[in-house]
């Protein structure tokens, strides 16, 4: 797949413990992106953060519940992101989704 130079990045900010139909939300987002044939998706796990409720989420030992911040990042042509964005609108009860233009400098994959 060749990714055109016109691309956008979406980032989905959620919690590690967030679920959609009993499954980790980040897993569901990545699987849906793959089903849609998008260029790729990556999940990042944060060390510390807070969201709209201002509650700190951290990996420090003294915390009983970690629920660490998670970011799912996807870069793709803007038109191809529309179905995923529509799905996210129905699936997320909390969190944040951002969208921004990016310049793709290089995109390669193994031909195997």
N, C-alpha and C. Protein backbone atom coordinates (compact mmCIF):
# COMPACT_ATOMS: atom_id res chain seq x y z
N UNK A 1 0.84 -1.17 0.00
CA UNK A 1 0.00 0.00 0.00
C UNK A 1 0.89 1.23 0.00
N UNK A 2 0.56 2.19 -0.82
CA UNK A 2 1.31 3.44 -0.85
C UNK A 2 0.47 4.51 -0.17
N UNK A 3 1.04 5.18 0.80
CA UNK A 3 0.34 6.25 1.50
C UNK A 3 0.70 7.56 0.83
N UNK A 4 -0.30 8.27 0.38
CA UNK A 4 -0.07 9.55 -0.29
C UNK A 4 0.50 10.56 0.69
N UNK A 5 1.13 11.59 0.12
CA UNK A 5 1.71 12.60 1.00
C UNK A 5 0.65 13.37 1.79
N UNK A 6 -0.60 13.40 1.30
CA UNK A 6 -1.68 14.03 2.06
C UNK A 6 -2.22 13.00 3.04
N UNK A 7 -1.99 13.24 4.31
CA UNK A 7 -2.42 12.28 5.32
C UNK A 7 -2.84 13.02 6.58
N UNK A 8 -3.57 12.32 7.42
CA UNK A 8 -3.96 12.84 8.73
C UNK A 8 -3.65 11.80 9.79
N UNK A 9 -3.40 12.31 10.99
CA UNK A 9 -3.18 11.43 12.15
C UNK A 9 -4.35 11.62 13.09
N UNK A 10 -4.93 10.50 13.50
CA UNK A 10 -5.90 10.59 14.58
C UNK A 10 -5.27 9.95 15.80
N UNK A 11 -5.56 10.54 16.93
CA UNK A 11 -5.12 9.99 18.21
C UNK A 11 -6.36 9.83 19.08
N UNK A 12 -6.45 8.65 19.67
CA UNK A 12 -7.56 8.34 20.55
C UNK A 12 -6.99 8.19 21.95
N UNK A 13 -7.40 9.07 22.85
CA UNK A 13 -6.92 9.08 24.24
C UNK A 13 -7.97 8.40 25.10
N UNK A 14 -7.59 7.25 25.67
CA UNK A 14 -8.50 6.49 26.51
C UNK A 14 -7.73 5.95 27.72
N UNK A 15 -8.42 5.19 28.55
CA UNK A 15 -7.78 4.54 29.69
C UNK A 15 -7.52 3.08 29.41
N UNK A 16 -6.51 2.56 30.03
CA UNK A 16 -6.13 1.16 29.85
C UNK A 16 -7.27 0.20 30.21
N UNK A 17 -8.07 0.57 31.19
CA UNK A 17 -9.16 -0.28 31.64
C UNK A 17 -10.46 -0.08 30.87
N UNK A 18 -10.49 0.84 29.91
CA UNK A 18 -11.72 1.08 29.14
C UNK A 18 -12.07 -0.16 28.33
N UNK A 19 -13.37 -0.47 28.31
CA UNK A 19 -13.85 -1.66 27.61
C UNK A 19 -14.95 -1.27 26.62
N UNK A 20 -15.03 -2.06 25.54
CA UNK A 20 -16.13 -1.97 24.59
C UNK A 20 -16.65 -3.38 24.39
N UNK A 21 -17.88 -3.60 24.78
CA UNK A 21 -18.49 -4.93 24.72
C UNK A 21 -17.61 -5.98 25.40
N UNK A 22 -17.05 -5.60 26.56
CA UNK A 22 -16.27 -6.52 27.38
C UNK A 22 -14.82 -6.71 26.96
N UNK A 23 -14.39 -6.02 25.92
CA UNK A 23 -13.02 -6.16 25.42
C UNK A 23 -12.28 -4.84 25.58
N UNK A 24 -10.95 -4.87 25.73
CA UNK A 24 -10.19 -3.62 25.82
C UNK A 24 -10.45 -2.73 24.59
N UNK A 25 -10.81 -1.49 24.84
CA UNK A 25 -11.16 -0.58 23.76
C UNK A 25 -10.02 -0.40 22.77
N UNK A 26 -8.79 -0.30 23.25
CA UNK A 26 -7.65 -0.12 22.34
C UNK A 26 -7.54 -1.30 21.37
N UNK A 27 -7.76 -2.51 21.86
CA UNK A 27 -7.70 -3.69 21.00
C UNK A 27 -8.75 -3.62 19.90
N UNK A 28 -9.95 -3.22 20.29
CA UNK A 28 -11.06 -3.15 19.33
C UNK A 28 -10.76 -2.10 18.26
N UNK A 29 -10.21 -0.96 18.66
CA UNK A 29 -9.89 0.10 17.70
C UNK A 29 -8.86 -0.39 16.68
N UNK A 30 -7.81 -1.05 17.15
CA UNK A 30 -6.77 -1.56 16.25
C UNK A 30 -7.36 -2.60 15.29
N UNK A 31 -8.17 -3.50 15.81
CA UNK A 31 -8.77 -4.53 14.95
C UNK A 31 -9.70 -3.91 13.91
N UNK A 32 -10.46 -2.90 14.28
CA UNK A 32 -11.35 -2.23 13.33
C UNK A 32 -10.54 -1.50 12.26
N UNK A 33 -9.45 -0.86 12.66
CA UNK A 33 -8.59 -0.17 11.69
C UNK A 33 -8.03 -1.18 10.68
N UNK A 34 -7.67 -2.34 11.17
CA UNK A 34 -7.14 -3.38 10.27
C UNK A 34 -8.22 -3.88 9.31
N UNK A 35 -9.43 -4.11 9.83
CA UNK A 35 -10.55 -4.54 8.98
C UNK A 35 -10.84 -3.52 7.89
N UNK A 36 -10.67 -2.25 8.21
CA UNK A 36 -10.91 -1.18 7.23
C UNK A 36 -9.77 -1.02 6.24
N UNK A 37 -8.68 -1.78 6.44
CA UNK A 37 -7.55 -1.73 5.53
C UNK A 37 -6.71 -0.47 5.66
N UNK A 38 -6.72 0.13 6.85
CA UNK A 38 -5.94 1.35 7.06
C UNK A 38 -4.44 1.02 7.09
N UNK A 39 -3.62 2.06 6.94
CA UNK A 39 -2.17 1.87 6.80
C UNK A 39 -1.52 1.24 8.02
N UNK A 40 -2.06 1.48 9.20
CA UNK A 40 -1.50 0.90 10.42
C UNK A 40 -2.04 1.60 11.65
N UNK A 41 -1.80 1.03 12.79
CA UNK A 41 -2.23 1.59 14.07
C UNK A 41 -1.23 1.17 15.14
N UNK A 42 -1.00 2.08 16.08
CA UNK A 42 -0.08 1.80 17.18
C UNK A 42 -0.73 2.24 18.49
N UNK A 43 -0.54 1.44 19.52
CA UNK A 43 -1.06 1.78 20.86
C UNK A 43 0.13 2.11 21.76
N UNK A 44 0.04 3.27 22.41
CA UNK A 44 1.06 3.71 23.37
C UNK A 44 0.46 3.69 24.76
N UNK A 45 1.21 3.18 25.72
CA UNK A 45 0.77 3.16 27.12
C UNK A 45 1.55 4.23 27.87
N UNK A 46 0.82 5.13 28.50
CA UNK A 46 1.45 6.22 29.23
C UNK A 46 1.86 5.83 30.64
N UNK A 47 2.77 6.60 31.20
CA UNK A 47 3.25 6.36 32.56
C UNK A 47 2.41 7.09 33.59
N UNK A 48 1.90 8.27 33.21
CA UNK A 48 1.10 9.07 34.12
C UNK A 48 0.28 10.04 33.28
N UNK A 49 -0.90 10.38 33.74
CA UNK A 49 -1.74 11.34 33.03
C UNK A 49 -3.03 11.59 33.77
N UNK A 50 -3.80 12.53 33.23
CA UNK A 50 -5.14 12.77 33.74
C UNK A 50 -6.00 13.25 32.59
N UNK A 51 -7.31 13.10 32.77
CA UNK A 51 -8.24 13.49 31.72
C UNK A 51 -9.25 14.49 32.24
N UNK A 52 -10.45 14.44 31.66
CA UNK A 52 -11.49 15.43 31.94
C UNK A 52 -11.89 15.46 33.42
N UNK A 53 -11.81 14.32 34.09
CA UNK A 53 -12.21 14.30 35.51
C UNK A 53 -11.08 14.72 36.45
N UNK A 54 -9.90 15.03 35.90
CA UNK A 54 -8.72 15.49 36.64
C UNK A 54 -8.15 14.49 37.63
N UNK A 55 -8.54 13.22 37.53
CA UNK A 55 -7.99 12.18 38.40
C UNK A 55 -6.66 11.70 37.80
N UNK A 56 -5.61 11.69 38.61
CA UNK A 56 -4.29 11.25 38.15
C UNK A 56 -4.27 9.72 38.01
N UNK A 57 -3.75 9.26 36.90
CA UNK A 57 -3.54 7.83 36.64
C UNK A 57 -2.03 7.64 36.54
N UNK A 58 -1.50 6.73 37.35
CA UNK A 58 -0.05 6.57 37.39
C UNK A 58 0.31 5.10 37.60
N UNK A 59 1.55 4.77 37.29
CA UNK A 59 2.05 3.41 37.49
C UNK A 59 2.81 3.28 38.81
N UNK A 60 2.78 4.31 39.65
CA UNK A 60 3.51 4.26 40.91
C UNK A 60 2.94 3.17 41.81
N UNK A 61 3.81 2.54 42.56
CA UNK A 61 3.46 1.36 43.36
C UNK A 61 2.36 1.64 44.38
N UNK A 62 2.31 2.83 44.93
CA UNK A 62 1.34 3.12 45.99
C UNK A 62 -0.09 3.25 45.50
N UNK A 63 -0.28 3.34 44.19
CA UNK A 63 -1.63 3.45 43.64
C UNK A 63 -2.26 2.07 43.55
N UNK A 64 -3.50 1.92 44.01
CA UNK A 64 -4.18 0.64 43.95
C UNK A 64 -4.70 0.35 42.54
N UNK A 65 -5.22 1.36 41.87
CA UNK A 65 -5.76 1.19 40.53
C UNK A 65 -4.94 2.00 39.54
N UNK A 66 -4.31 1.33 38.61
CA UNK A 66 -3.47 2.04 37.67
C UNK A 66 -4.28 2.70 36.57
N UNK A 67 -5.07 1.95 35.82
CA UNK A 67 -5.84 2.47 34.69
C UNK A 67 -5.03 3.51 33.92
N UNK A 68 -3.86 3.11 33.46
CA UNK A 68 -2.94 4.04 32.82
C UNK A 68 -3.51 4.62 31.53
N UNK A 69 -3.04 5.82 31.17
CA UNK A 69 -3.49 6.41 29.91
C UNK A 69 -2.98 5.62 28.72
N UNK A 70 -3.80 5.54 27.69
CA UNK A 70 -3.46 4.84 26.46
C UNK A 70 -3.80 5.75 25.29
N UNK A 71 -2.91 5.78 24.29
CA UNK A 71 -3.16 6.54 23.07
C UNK A 71 -3.07 5.57 21.89
N UNK A 72 -4.11 5.56 21.07
CA UNK A 72 -4.10 4.80 19.83
C UNK A 72 -3.86 5.81 18.72
N UNK A 73 -2.84 5.56 17.89
CA UNK A 73 -2.48 6.50 16.84
C UNK A 73 -2.57 5.82 15.48
N UNK A 74 -3.23 6.53 14.54
CA UNK A 74 -3.42 6.00 13.20
C UNK A 74 -3.15 7.12 12.21
N UNK A 75 -2.35 6.83 11.17
CA UNK A 75 -2.07 7.78 10.09
C UNK A 75 -2.62 7.19 8.80
N UNK A 76 -3.38 8.00 8.07
CA UNK A 76 -4.03 7.50 6.86
C UNK A 76 -4.51 8.68 6.04
N UNK A 77 -4.90 8.43 4.80
CA UNK A 77 -5.52 9.45 3.96
C UNK A 77 -6.83 9.90 4.63
N UNK A 78 -7.12 11.19 4.66
CA UNK A 78 -8.29 11.70 5.39
C UNK A 78 -9.60 11.00 5.05
N UNK A 79 -9.85 10.73 3.78
CA UNK A 79 -11.12 10.09 3.39
C UNK A 79 -11.26 8.68 3.96
N UNK A 80 -10.13 8.00 4.11
CA UNK A 80 -10.18 6.62 4.62
C UNK A 80 -10.40 6.56 6.12
N UNK A 81 -10.22 7.69 6.81
CA UNK A 81 -10.43 7.73 8.26
C UNK A 81 -11.90 7.90 8.65
N UNK A 82 -12.72 8.35 7.73
CA UNK A 82 -14.12 8.66 8.05
C UNK A 82 -14.87 7.49 8.68
N UNK A 83 -14.83 6.28 8.11
CA UNK A 83 -15.56 5.17 8.75
C UNK A 83 -15.08 4.88 10.17
N UNK A 84 -13.78 4.98 10.40
CA UNK A 84 -13.25 4.74 11.75
C UNK A 84 -13.73 5.82 12.72
N UNK A 85 -13.70 7.06 12.28
CA UNK A 85 -14.15 8.16 13.14
C UNK A 85 -15.64 8.01 13.49
N UNK A 86 -16.44 7.57 12.54
CA UNK A 86 -17.87 7.34 12.82
C UNK A 86 -18.04 6.22 13.84
N UNK A 87 -17.24 5.17 13.71
CA UNK A 87 -17.30 4.07 14.67
C UNK A 87 -16.89 4.54 16.06
N UNK A 88 -15.81 5.35 16.14
CA UNK A 88 -15.35 5.85 17.43
C UNK A 88 -16.41 6.69 18.12
N UNK A 89 -17.17 7.45 17.34
CA UNK A 89 -18.22 8.29 17.91
C UNK A 89 -19.27 7.45 18.62
N UNK A 90 -19.57 6.27 18.11
CA UNK A 90 -20.57 5.42 18.74
C UNK A 90 -19.99 4.54 19.84
N UNK A 91 -18.68 4.29 19.81
CA UNK A 91 -18.09 3.33 20.74
C UNK A 91 -17.52 3.94 22.02
N UNK A 92 -17.08 5.20 21.98
CA UNK A 92 -16.42 5.80 23.14
C UNK A 92 -17.41 6.52 24.06
N UNK A 93 -17.43 6.11 25.32
CA UNK A 93 -18.23 6.80 26.33
C UNK A 93 -17.45 7.93 26.98
N UNK A 94 -16.13 7.78 27.00
CA UNK A 94 -15.25 8.82 27.53
C UNK A 94 -13.93 8.75 26.79
N UNK A 95 -13.16 9.82 26.89
CA UNK A 95 -11.89 9.89 26.19
C UNK A 95 -11.89 11.08 25.26
N UNK A 96 -10.90 11.13 24.38
CA UNK A 96 -10.77 12.24 23.45
C UNK A 96 -10.18 11.72 22.14
N UNK A 97 -10.66 12.28 21.03
CA UNK A 97 -10.13 11.94 19.71
C UNK A 97 -9.66 13.24 19.07
N UNK A 98 -8.41 13.24 18.57
CA UNK A 98 -7.89 14.41 17.87
C UNK A 98 -7.57 14.02 16.43
N UNK A 99 -7.55 15.03 15.57
CA UNK A 99 -7.28 14.80 14.15
C UNK A 99 -6.42 15.96 13.66
N UNK A 100 -5.32 15.64 12.97
CA UNK A 100 -4.44 16.70 12.49
C UNK A 100 -3.74 16.28 11.21
N UNK A 101 -3.42 17.24 10.35
CA UNK A 101 -2.68 16.90 9.12
C UNK A 101 -1.24 16.55 9.45
N UNK A 102 -0.68 15.61 8.70
CA UNK A 102 0.73 15.24 8.86
C UNK A 102 1.37 15.10 7.49
N UNK A 103 2.66 15.29 7.43
CA UNK A 103 3.44 15.05 6.21
C UNK A 103 4.08 13.68 6.33
N UNK A 104 3.72 12.77 5.45
CA UNK A 104 4.34 11.45 5.44
C UNK A 104 5.61 11.55 4.61
N UNK A 105 6.73 11.33 5.24
CA UNK A 105 8.03 11.42 4.59
C UNK A 105 8.41 10.08 3.96
N UNK A 106 8.08 9.01 4.67
CA UNK A 106 8.48 7.67 4.23
C UNK A 106 7.46 6.67 4.76
N UNK A 107 7.04 5.75 3.92
CA UNK A 107 6.15 4.67 4.34
C UNK A 107 6.49 3.45 3.53
N UNK A 108 7.11 2.46 4.16
CA UNK A 108 7.54 1.25 3.49
C UNK A 108 7.06 0.03 4.26
N UNK A 109 6.91 -1.06 3.55
CA UNK A 109 6.60 -2.33 4.22
C UNK A 109 7.29 -3.47 3.49
N UNK A 110 7.47 -4.55 4.22
CA UNK A 110 8.10 -5.74 3.66
C UNK A 110 7.15 -6.35 2.64
N UNK A 111 7.66 -6.82 1.56
CA UNK A 111 6.83 -7.37 0.48
C UNK A 111 6.41 -8.80 0.71
N UNK A 112 6.84 -9.44 1.80
CA UNK A 112 6.49 -10.84 2.10
C UNK A 112 5.05 -10.99 2.42
